[in-house]
């Protein structure tokens, strides 16, 4: 059996930066992250065991004695920062710099009167955060139906941005539908390079593999996108969080197995899967 591990599998720059910032706070009293620092349960549980808790909402933040709170890699709305500061929390901002860039774009363009369109999942914390930096109500689109239904009021300029982990091919498809409406559009491809590279490599690997393993947290948007891409190319694609979720007997007849992982998957989990599939 040939086992091929994707070169781009595992932590991206923004995730590694955020996780490192949290681990640097171990030992400090009364320290929390605002929401899970990344979408990986193994990392969150390890941090919890080392004294770093998770605050899930503003109501929870109000009920606790203020200490240090670390803003997760997905970012948050501007009002979240303002409210936490007013409550006396010391904020460490671990938001991915690529997400921060989107915050600046939508803030500026909405102030200038543009209609902001976010290509992404409106229930994802990154998109919720981006929406919270818009001066006017944004439109969130993640399906062709929503793209066809989109209408811009008063012939405004339309500024289009994307969730950093969105499927690049789908982003192009949705932008093309909006562009055909004839609006004055300004397209900002804010899908990060790491996401594009990871998705491209996953697609190419799935095309040659007899089976694919995609590793990542169950709530990880970018891992879900990888799974969808691989599944389109390779029917025998499996989405797992750790080695415990994998039935190794399924690969006994495979000549080539490909492995990729989401941007929030720790290297030790990837290596454990890689090692055991090869046995």
C-alpha atoms as a PDB file:
ATOM      1  CA  UNK A   1       0.000   0.000   0.000  1.00  0.00           C
ATOM      2  CA  UNK A   2       1.176   3.508  -0.870  1.00  0.00           C
ATOM      3  CA  UNK A   3       0.230   6.151   1.716  1.00  0.00           C
ATOM      4  CA  UNK A   4       0.550   9.784   0.675  1.00  0.00           C
ATOM      5  CA  UNK A   5       0.322  12.573   3.263  1.00  0.00           C
ATOM      6  CA  UNK A   6      -0.569  15.996   1.868  1.00  0.00           C
ATOM      7  CA  UNK A   7       2.215  18.544   2.318  1.00  0.00           C
ATOM      8  CA  UNK A   8      -0.298  21.209   3.370  1.00  0.00           C
ATOM      9  CA  UNK A   9      -2.051  19.091   6.028  1.00  0.00           C
ATOM     10  CA  UNK A  10      -2.316  20.573   9.513  1.00  0.00           C
ATOM     11  CA  UNK A  11      -1.985  23.934  11.213  1.00  0.00           C
ATOM     12  CA  UNK A  12      -2.012  26.992   8.988  1.00  0.00           C
ATOM     13  CA  UNK A  13      -0.189  30.195   9.954  1.00  0.00           C
ATOM     14  CA  UNK A  14      -3.182  31.830  11.645  1.00  0.00           C
ATOM     15  CA  UNK A  15      -4.095  28.765  13.698  1.00  0.00           C
ATOM     16  CA  UNK A  16      -0.517  28.095  14.822  1.00  0.00           C
ATOM     17  CA  UNK A  17      -0.147  31.726  15.843  1.00  0.00           C
ATOM     18  CA  UNK A  18      -3.389  31.634  17.865  1.00  0.00           C
ATOM     19  CA  UNK A  19      -2.609  28.329  19.574  1.00  0.00           C
ATOM     20  CA  UNK A  20       0.911  29.470  20.462  1.00  0.00           C
ATOM     21  CA  UNK A  21      -0.496  32.671  21.979  1.00  0.00           C
ATOM     22  CA  UNK A  22      -2.812  30.644  24.226  1.00  0.00           C
ATOM     23  CA  UNK A  23      -0.147  28.155  25.303  1.00  0.00           C
ATOM     24  CA  UNK A  24       2.059  31.122  26.236  1.00  0.00           C
ATOM     25  CA  UNK A  25      -0.590  32.085  28.809  1.00  0.00           C
ATOM     26  CA  UNK A  26      -0.548  28.743  30.632  1.00  0.00           C
ATOM     27  CA  UNK A  27       0.068  29.378  34.310  1.00  0.00           C
ATOM     28  CA  UNK A  28      -1.599  32.779  34.282  1.00  0.00           C
ATOM     29  CA  UNK A  29      -4.608  32.947  36.594  1.00  0.00           C
ATOM     30  CA  UNK A  30      -8.163  33.624  35.444  1.00  0.00           C
ATOM     31  CA  UNK A  31      -7.447  33.187  31.727  1.00  0.00           C
ATOM     32  CA  UNK A  32     -10.002  32.169  29.112  1.00  0.00           C
ATOM     33  CA  UNK A  33     -10.537  32.081  25.380  1.00  0.00           C
ATOM     34  CA  UNK A  34     -13.643  33.710  23.917  1.00  0.00           C
ATOM     35  CA  UNK A  35     -15.120  30.646  22.278  1.00  0.00           C
ATOM     36  CA  UNK A  36     -12.922  27.642  21.403  1.00  0.00           C
ATOM     37  CA  UNK A  37      -9.568  29.025  20.217  1.00  0.00           C
ATOM     38  CA  UNK A  38      -9.811  26.753  17.150  1.00  0.00           C
ATOM     39  CA  UNK A  39     -12.290  24.120  15.976  1.00  0.00           C
ATOM     40  CA  UNK A  40     -10.444  21.137  17.376  1.00  0.00           C
ATOM     41  CA  UNK A  41     -11.745  19.384  20.468  1.00  0.00           C
ATOM     42  CA  UNK A  42      -8.399  17.731  21.309  1.00  0.00           C
ATOM     43  CA  UNK A  43      -6.627  21.098  21.529  1.00  0.00           C
ATOM     44  CA  UNK A  44      -9.442  22.702  23.536  1.00  0.00           C
ATOM     45  CA  UNK A  45      -9.462  19.819  26.045  1.00  0.00           C
ATOM     46  CA  UNK A  46      -5.677  19.940  26.419  1.00  0.00           C
ATOM     47  CA  UNK A  47      -5.823  23.667  27.163  1.00  0.00           C
ATOM     48  CA  UNK A  48      -8.619  23.087  29.667  1.00  0.00           C
ATOM     49  CA  UNK A  49      -6.471  20.527  31.471  1.00  0.00           C
ATOM     50  CA  UNK A  50      -3.755  23.189  31.727  1.00  0.00           C
ATOM     51  CA  UNK A  51      -6.057  25.810  33.235  1.00  0.00           C
ATOM     52  CA  UNK A  52      -7.276  27.749  30.172  1.00  0.00           C
ATOM     53  CA  UNK A  53     -11.075  27.857  30.182  1.00  0.00           C
ATOM     54  CA  UNK A  54     -13.577  28.822  27.499  1.00  0.00           C
ATOM     55  CA  UNK A  55     -16.156  31.594  27.742  1.00  0.00           C
ATOM     56  CA  UNK A  56     -18.888  30.995  25.190  1.00  0.00           C
ATOM     57  CA  UNK A  57     -20.948  34.184  25.335  1.00  0.00           C
ATOM     58  CA  UNK A  58     -21.049  37.782  26.494  1.00  0.00           C
ATOM     59  CA  UNK A  59     -23.550  36.784  29.190  1.00  0.00           C
ATOM     60  CA  UNK A  60     -20.989  34.325  30.550  1.00  0.00           C
ATOM     61  CA  UNK A  61     -18.268  36.997  30.451  1.00  0.00           C
ATOM     62  CA  UNK A  62     -20.499  39.317  32.477  1.00  0.00           C
ATOM     63  CA  UNK A  63     -21.031  36.646  35.124  1.00  0.00           C
ATOM     64  CA  UNK A  64     -17.323  36.025  35.763  1.00  0.00           C
ATOM     65  CA  UNK A  65     -14.640  38.016  37.530  1.00  0.00           C
ATOM     66  CA  UNK A  66     -12.713  39.878  34.799  1.00  0.00           C
ATOM     67  CA  UNK A  67      -9.293  38.506  33.978  1.00  0.00           C
ATOM     68  CA  UNK A  68      -7.536  37.827  30.676  1.00  0.00           C
ATOM     69  CA  UNK A  69      -9.546  36.779  27.646  1.00  0.00           C
ATOM     70  CA  UNK A  70      -8.005  35.633  24.356  1.00  0.00           C
ATOM     71  CA  UNK A  71      -9.946  36.349  21.179  1.00  0.00           C
ATOM     72  CA  UNK A  72      -9.947  33.237  19.025  1.00  0.00           C
ATOM     73  CA  UNK A  73      -8.515  32.874  15.545  1.00  0.00           C
ATOM     74  CA  UNK A  74     -11.955  33.333  13.918  1.00  0.00           C
ATOM     75  CA  UNK A  75     -12.253  36.885  15.241  1.00  0.00           C
ATOM     76  CA  UNK A  76     -15.319  38.603  16.694  1.00  0.00           C
ATOM     77  CA  UNK A  77     -17.575  41.600  16.119  1.00  0.00           C
ATOM     78  CA  UNK A  78     -16.326  45.047  17.115  1.00  0.00           C
ATOM     79  CA  UNK A  79     -19.001  45.355  19.827  1.00  0.00           C
ATOM     80  CA  UNK A  80     -17.631  42.208  21.505  1.00  0.00           C
ATOM     81  CA  UNK A  81     -14.245  43.892  21.999  1.00  0.00           C
ATOM     82  CA  UNK A  82     -15.914  47.082  23.251  1.00  0.00           C
ATOM     83  CA  UNK A  83     -18.161  45.271  25.738  1.00  0.00           C
ATOM     84  CA  UNK A  84     -15.338  43.104  27.106  1.00  0.00           C
ATOM     85  CA  UNK A  85     -13.162  46.160  27.622  1.00  0.00           C
ATOM     86  CA  UNK A  86     -16.001  47.980  29.400  1.00  0.00           C
ATOM     87  CA  UNK A  87     -16.362  44.986  31.733  1.00  0.00           C
ATOM     88  CA  UNK A  88     -12.675  45.230  32.669  1.00  0.00           C
ATOM     89  CA  UNK A  89     -11.306  42.245  30.742  1.00  0.00           C
ATOM     90  CA  UNK A  90      -7.701  42.323  29.525  1.00  0.00           C
ATOM     91  CA  UNK A  91      -7.916  41.312  25.842  1.00  0.00           C
ATOM     92  CA  UNK A  92      -5.252  39.362  23.941  1.00  0.00           C
ATOM     93  CA  UNK A  93      -6.216  39.324  20.268  1.00  0.00           C
ATOM     94  CA  UNK A  94      -5.355  36.040  18.521  1.00  0.00           C
ATOM     95  CA  UNK A  95      -7.546  36.755  15.486  1.00  0.00           C
ATOM     96  CA  UNK A  96      -5.930  35.489  12.282  1.00  0.00           C
ATOM     97  CA  UNK A  97      -4.338  38.469  10.458  1.00  0.00           C
ATOM     98  CA  UNK A  98      -6.090  37.416   7.229  1.00  0.00           C
ATOM     99  CA  UNK A  99      -9.445  37.654   9.021  1.00  0.00           C
ATOM    100  CA  UNK A 100      -8.448  41.021  10.494  1.00  0.00           C
ATOM    101  CA  UNK A 101      -7.805  42.236   6.939  1.00  0.00           C
ATOM    102  CA  UNK A 102     -11.415  41.409   6.033  1.00  0.00           C
ATOM    103  CA  UNK A 103     -12.653  43.354   9.074  1.00  0.00           C
ATOM    104  CA  UNK A 104     -10.785  46.428   7.814  1.00  0.00           C
ATOM    105  CA  UNK A 105     -12.138  46.025   4.270  1.00  0.00           C
ATOM    106  CA  UNK A 106     -15.809  45.733   5.239  1.00  0.00           C
ATOM    107  CA  UNK A 107     -15.548  48.527   7.790  1.00  0.00           C
ATOM    108  CA  UNK A 108     -14.044  50.948   5.261  1.00  0.00           C
ATOM    109  CA  UNK A 109     -16.222  49.979   2.302  1.00  0.00           C
ATOM    110  CA  UNK A 110     -19.463  50.020   4.290  1.00  0.00           C
ATOM    111  CA  UNK A 111     -18.534  53.448   5.686  1.00  0.00           C
ATOM    112  CA  UNK A 112     -18.154  54.571   2.061  1.00  0.00           C
ATOM    113  CA  UNK A 113     -21.678  53.412   1.278  1.00  0.00           C
ATOM    114  CA  UNK A 114     -21.037  50.059  -0.411  1.00  0.00           C
ATOM    115  CA  UNK A 115     -23.294  47.045  -0.025  1.00  0.00           C
ATOM    116  CA  UNK A 116     -21.176  44.334   1.595  1.00  0.00           C
ATOM    117  CA  UNK A 117     -21.661  40.774   0.344  1.00  0.00           C
ATOM    118  CA  UNK A 118     -19.945  38.023   2.338  1.00  0.00           C
ATOM    119  CA  UNK A 119     -19.513  34.694   0.578  1.00  0.00           C
ATOM    120  CA  UNK A 120     -19.639  32.199   3.432  1.00  0.00           C
ATOM    121  CA  UNK A 121     -21.699  30.450   6.079  1.00  0.00           C
ATOM    122  CA  UNK A 122     -23.595  33.026   8.157  1.00  0.00           C
ATOM    123  CA  UNK A 123     -23.611  30.694  11.186  1.00  0.00           C
ATOM    124  CA  UNK A 124     -19.816  30.350  11.234  1.00  0.00           C
ATOM    125  CA  UNK A 125     -18.076  32.444  13.935  1.00  0.00           C
ATOM    126  CA  UNK A 126     -15.682  33.987  11.395  1.00  0.00           C
ATOM    127  CA  UNK A 127     -18.583  35.278   9.294  1.00  0.00           C
ATOM    128  CA  UNK A 128     -20.471  36.450  12.386  1.00  0.00           C
ATOM    129  CA  UNK A 129     -17.376  38.437  13.312  1.00  0.00           C
ATOM    130  CA  UNK A 130     -17.037  39.951   9.817  1.00  0.00           C
ATOM    131  CA  UNK A 131     -20.695  40.974   9.883  1.00  0.00           C
ATOM    132  CA  UNK A 132     -20.008  42.778  13.147  1.00  0.00           C
ATOM    133  CA  UNK A 133     -17.534  45.150  11.487  1.00  0.00           C
ATOM    134  CA  UNK A 134     -19.975  46.351   8.811  1.00  0.00           C
ATOM    135  CA  UNK A 135     -21.511  49.806   9.258  1.00  0.00           C
ATOM    136  CA  UNK A 136     -24.625  48.723   7.327  1.00  0.00           C
ATOM    137  CA  UNK A 137     -26.418  45.380   7.075  1.00  0.00           C
ATOM    138  CA  UNK A 138     -24.379  42.908   4.981  1.00  0.00           C
ATOM    139  CA  UNK A 139     -25.730  40.098   2.801  1.00  0.00           C
ATOM    140  CA  UNK A 140     -24.338  36.600   3.335  1.00  0.00           C
ATOM    141  CA  UNK A 141     -24.428  34.180   0.396  1.00  0.00           C
ATOM    142  CA  UNK A 142     -23.375  30.536   0.346  1.00  0.00           C
ATOM    143  CA  UNK A 143     -25.626  28.973  -2.311  1.00  0.00           C
ATOM    144  CA  UNK A 144     -26.445  29.564  -5.976  1.00  0.00           C
ATOM    145  CA  UNK A 145     -30.087  30.179  -4.991  1.00  0.00           C
ATOM    146  CA  UNK A 146     -29.097  33.040  -2.695  1.00  0.00           C
ATOM    147  CA  UNK A 147     -26.781  34.450  -5.378  1.00  0.00           C
ATOM    148  CA  UNK A 148     -29.575  34.447  -7.995  1.00  0.00           C
ATOM    149  CA  UNK A 149     -31.978  36.071  -5.481  1.00  0.00           C
ATOM    150  CA  UNK A 150     -29.547  38.824  -4.502  1.00  0.00           C
ATOM    151  CA  UNK A 151     -30.651  42.360  -5.286  1.00  0.00           C
ATOM    152  CA  UNK A 152     -28.748  45.533  -4.460  1.00  0.00           C
ATOM    153  CA  UNK A 153     -30.644  48.548  -3.211  1.00  0.00           C
ATOM    154  CA  UNK A 154     -30.310  51.979  -4.840  1.00  0.00           C
ATOM    155  CA  UNK A 155     -27.631  50.840  -7.303  1.00  0.00           C
ATOM    156  CA  UNK A 156     -24.987  50.856  -4.599  1.00  0.00           C
ATOM    157  CA  UNK A 157     -21.467  49.675  -5.269  1.00  0.00           C
ATOM    158  CA  UNK A 158     -21.198  46.028  -4.215  1.00  0.00           C
ATOM    159  CA  UNK A 159     -18.103  44.926  -2.288  1.00  0.00           C
ATOM    160  CA  UNK A 160     -17.717  41.130  -2.194  1.00  0.00           C
ATOM    161  CA  UNK A 161     -15.484  39.375   0.343  1.00  0.00           C
ATOM    162  CA  UNK A 162     -15.196  35.751   1.351  1.00  0.00           C
ATOM    163  CA  UNK A 163     -14.874  33.649   4.468  1.00  0.00           C
ATOM    164  CA  UNK A 164     -11.185  32.699   4.496  1.00  0.00           C
ATOM    165  CA  UNK A 165     -11.917  28.947   4.380  1.00  0.00           C
ATOM    166  CA  UNK A 166     -14.611  28.941   1.685  1.00  0.00           C
ATOM    167  CA  UNK A 167     -14.423  26.574  -1.296  1.00  0.00           C
ATOM    168  CA  UNK A 168     -12.555  28.540  -3.980  1.00  0.00           C
ATOM    169  CA  UNK A 169     -14.404  27.027  -6.964  1.00  0.00           C
ATOM    170  CA  UNK A 170     -17.758  27.720  -5.330  1.00  0.00           C
ATOM    171  CA  UNK A 171     -16.659  31.287  -4.530  1.00  0.00           C
ATOM    172  CA  UNK A 172     -15.909  31.853  -8.231  1.00  0.00           C
ATOM    173  CA  UNK A 173     -19.275  30.389  -9.219  1.00  0.00           C
ATOM    174  CA  UNK A 174     -21.236  32.628  -6.841  1.00  0.00           C
ATOM    175  CA  UNK A 175     -19.293  35.746  -7.863  1.00  0.00           C
ATOM    176  CA  UNK A 176     -20.021  35.044 -11.546  1.00  0.00           C
ATOM    177  CA  UNK A 177     -23.762  34.846 -10.834  1.00  0.00           C
ATOM    178  CA  UNK A 178     -23.696  38.193  -9.007  1.00  0.00           C
ATOM    179  CA  UNK A 179     -21.507  39.787 -11.690  1.00  0.00           C
ATOM    180  CA  UNK A 180     -24.069  38.951 -14.387  1.00  0.00           C
ATOM    181  CA  UNK A 181     -26.592  41.226 -12.646  1.00  0.00           C
ATOM    182  CA  UNK A 182     -24.694  44.257 -13.921  1.00  0.00           C
ATOM    183  CA  UNK A 183     -23.898  45.911 -10.604  1.00  0.00           C
ATOM    184  CA  UNK A 184     -20.727  47.895  -9.961  1.00  0.00           C
ATOM    185  CA  UNK A 185     -18.861  45.191  -8.039  1.00  0.00           C
ATOM    186  CA  UNK A 186     -15.540  45.162  -6.244  1.00  0.00           C
ATOM    187  CA  UNK A 187     -14.447  41.557  -5.676  1.00  0.00           C
ATOM    188  CA  UNK A 188     -11.924  40.885  -2.916  1.00  0.00           C
ATOM    189  CA  UNK A 189     -10.812  37.257  -2.927  1.00  0.00           C
ATOM    190  CA  UNK A 190     -10.133  36.933   0.791  1.00  0.00           C
ATOM    191  CA  UNK A 191      -9.851  33.150   0.787  1.00  0.00           C
ATOM    192  CA  UNK A 192      -6.399  32.702   2.313  1.00  0.00           C
ATOM    193  CA  UNK A 193      -3.589  31.195   0.234  1.00  0.00           C
ATOM    194  CA  UNK A 194      -3.235  28.298   2.664  1.00  0.00           C
ATOM    195  CA  UNK A 195      -6.875  27.348   2.053  1.00  0.00           C
ATOM    196  CA  UNK A 196      -6.522  27.494  -1.742  1.00  0.00           C
ATOM    197  CA  UNK A 197      -3.326  25.433  -1.678  1.00  0.00           C
ATOM    198  CA  UNK A 198      -4.815  22.876   0.705  1.00  0.00           C
ATOM    199  CA  UNK A 199      -7.975  22.474  -1.385  1.00  0.00           C
ATOM    200  CA  UNK A 200      -6.039  22.179  -4.654  1.00  0.00           C
ATOM    201  CA  UNK A 201      -3.665  19.573  -3.237  1.00  0.00           C
ATOM    202  CA  UNK A 202      -6.549  17.613  -1.669  1.00  0.00           C
ATOM    203  CA  UNK A 203      -8.389  17.499  -5.009  1.00  0.00           C
ATOM    204  CA  UNK A 204      -5.315  16.282  -6.897  1.00  0.00           C
ATOM    205  CA  UNK A 205      -4.522  13.676  -4.240  1.00  0.00           C
ATOM    206  CA  UNK A 206      -8.117  12.378  -4.170  1.00  0.00           C
ATOM    207  CA  UNK A 207      -8.047  11.942  -7.954  1.00  0.00           C
ATOM    208  CA  UNK A 208      -5.235   9.400  -7.740  1.00  0.00           C
ATOM    209  CA  UNK A 209      -6.089   7.684  -4.431  1.00  0.00           C
ATOM    210  CA  UNK A 210      -8.235   4.589  -3.894  1.00  0.00           C
ATOM    211  CA  UNK A 211      -9.240   5.960  -0.494  1.00  0.00           C
ATOM    212  CA  UNK A 212      -8.919   9.327   1.268  1.00  0.00           C
ATOM    213  CA  UNK A 213      -8.750  10.204   4.950  1.00  0.00           C
ATOM    214  CA  UNK A 214      -9.637  13.746   5.980  1.00  0.00           C
ATOM    215  CA  UNK A 215      -8.720  14.625   9.582  1.00  0.00           C
ATOM    216  CA  UNK A 216     -10.227  17.481  11.543  1.00  0.00           C
ATOM    217  CA  UNK A 217     -12.685  18.673  14.166  1.00  0.00           C
ATOM    218  CA  UNK A 218     -16.366  18.010  13.512  1.00  0.00           C
ATOM    219  CA  UNK A 219     -17.104  21.764  13.661  1.00  0.00           C
ATOM    220  CA  UNK A 220     -14.205  22.774  11.407  1.00  0.00           C
ATOM    221  CA  UNK A 221     -15.503  24.570   8.312  1.00  0.00           C
ATOM    222  CA  UNK A 222     -12.280  24.198   6.331  1.00  0.00           C
ATOM    223  CA  UNK A 223     -12.088  20.460   7.107  1.00  0.00           C
ATOM    224  CA  UNK A 224     -15.690  20.001   5.958  1.00  0.00           C
ATOM    225  CA  UNK A 225     -14.791  21.728   2.674  1.00  0.00           C
ATOM    226  CA  UNK A 226     -11.810  19.386   2.248  1.00  0.00           C
ATOM    227  CA  UNK A 227     -14.063  16.399   2.827  1.00  0.00           C
ATOM    228  CA  UNK A 228     -16.559  17.615   0.204  1.00  0.00           C
ATOM    229  CA  UNK A 229     -13.779  18.208  -2.335  1.00  0.00           C
ATOM    230  CA  UNK A 230     -12.216  14.783  -1.737  1.00  0.00           C
ATOM    231  CA  UNK A 231     -15.584  13.005  -1.751  1.00  0.00           C
ATOM    232  CA  UNK A 232     -16.338  14.468  -5.195  1.00  0.00           C
ATOM    233  CA  UNK A 233     -13.147  12.900  -6.543  1.00  0.00           C
ATOM    234  CA  UNK A 234     -12.915   9.721  -4.436  1.00  0.00           C
ATOM    235  CA  UNK A 235     -15.997   7.853  -3.233  1.00  0.00           C
ATOM    236  CA  UNK A 236     -14.040   6.118  -0.435  1.00  0.00           C
ATOM    237  CA  UNK A 237     -13.406   9.279   1.584  1.00  0.00           C
ATOM    238  CA  UNK A 238     -13.547   9.216   5.392  1.00  0.00           C
ATOM    239  CA  UNK A 239     -13.866  12.191   7.763  1.00  0.00           C
ATOM    240  CA  UNK A 240     -12.312  11.506  11.174  1.00  0.00           C
ATOM    241  CA  UNK A 241     -11.250  13.519  14.217  1.00  0.00           C
ATOM    242  CA  UNK A 242      -8.652  11.082  15.571  1.00  0.00           C
ATOM    243  CA  UNK A 243      -7.347   7.580  14.946  1.00  0.00           C
ATOM    244  CA  UNK A 244     -10.112   6.252  17.228  1.00  0.00           C
ATOM    245  CA  UNK A 245     -12.679   7.075  14.529  1.00  0.00           C
ATOM    246  CA  UNK A 246     -10.903   5.075  11.820  1.00  0.00           C
ATOM    247  CA  UNK A 247     -11.631   1.472  10.826  1.00  0.00           C
ATOM    248  CA  UNK A 248      -8.274   0.378   9.418  1.00  0.00           C
ATOM    249  CA  UNK A 249      -9.842  -2.727   7.873  1.00  0.00           C
ATOM    250  CA  UNK A 250     -11.451  -0.514   5.225  1.00  0.00           C
ATOM    251  CA  UNK A 251      -8.049   0.093   3.656  1.00  0.00           C
ATOM    252  CA  UNK A 252      -6.839  -3.506   3.359  1.00  0.00           C
ATOM    253  CA  UNK A 253      -7.518  -3.623  -0.393  1.00  0.00           C
ATOM    254  CA  UNK A 254      -6.469  -0.052  -1.218  1.00  0.00           C
ATOM    255  CA  UNK A 255      -3.406   0.384  -3.394  1.00  0.00           C
ATOM    256  CA  UNK A 256      -3.085   4.095  -2.583  1.00  0.00           C
ATOM    257  CA  UNK A 257      -4.407   5.971   0.451  1.00  0.00           C
ATOM    258  CA  UNK A 258      -4.281   9.758   0.645  1.00  0.00           C
ATOM    259  CA  UNK A 259      -4.342  11.723   3.893  1.00  0.00           C
ATOM    260  CA  UNK A 260      -5.095  15.398   4.371  1.00  0.00           C
ATOM    261  CA  UNK A 261      -6.139  17.466   7.367  1.00  0.00           C
ATOM    262  CA  UNK A 262      -7.815  20.725   8.219  1.00  0.00           C
ATOM    263  CA  UNK A 263      -6.017  23.879   9.295  1.00  0.00           C
ATOM    264  CA  UNK A 264      -6.858  23.271  12.957  1.00  0.00           C
ATOM    265  CA  UNK A 265      -5.607  19.674  13.175  1.00  0.00           C
ATOM    266  CA  UNK A 266      -2.506  19.153  15.384  1.00  0.00           C
ATOM    267  CA  UNK A 267       0.487  17.421  13.823  1.00  0.00           C
ATOM    268  CA  UNK A 268       0.577  14.645  16.445  1.00  0.00           C
ATOM    269  CA  UNK A 269      -2.914  13.479  15.417  1.00  0.00           C
ATOM    270  CA  UNK A 270      -1.960  13.524  11.732  1.00  0.00           C
ATOM    271  CA  UNK A 271       1.223  11.560  12.356  1.00  0.00           C
ATOM    272  CA  UNK A 272      -0.607   8.972  14.486  1.00  0.00           C
ATOM    273  CA  UNK A 273      -3.066   8.304  11.659  1.00  0.00           C
ATOM    274  CA  UNK A 274      -0.282   8.271   9.051  1.00  0.00           C
ATOM    275  CA  UNK A 275       1.775   5.786  11.047  1.00  0.00           C
ATOM    276  CA  UNK A 276      -1.074   3.385  11.754  1.00  0.00           C
ATOM    277  CA  UNK A 277      -2.480   3.318   8.212  1.00  0.00           C
ATOM    278  CA  UNK A 278       0.970   2.254   6.988  1.00  0.00           C
ATOM    279  CA  UNK A 279       1.152  -0.729   9.364  1.00  0.00           C
END
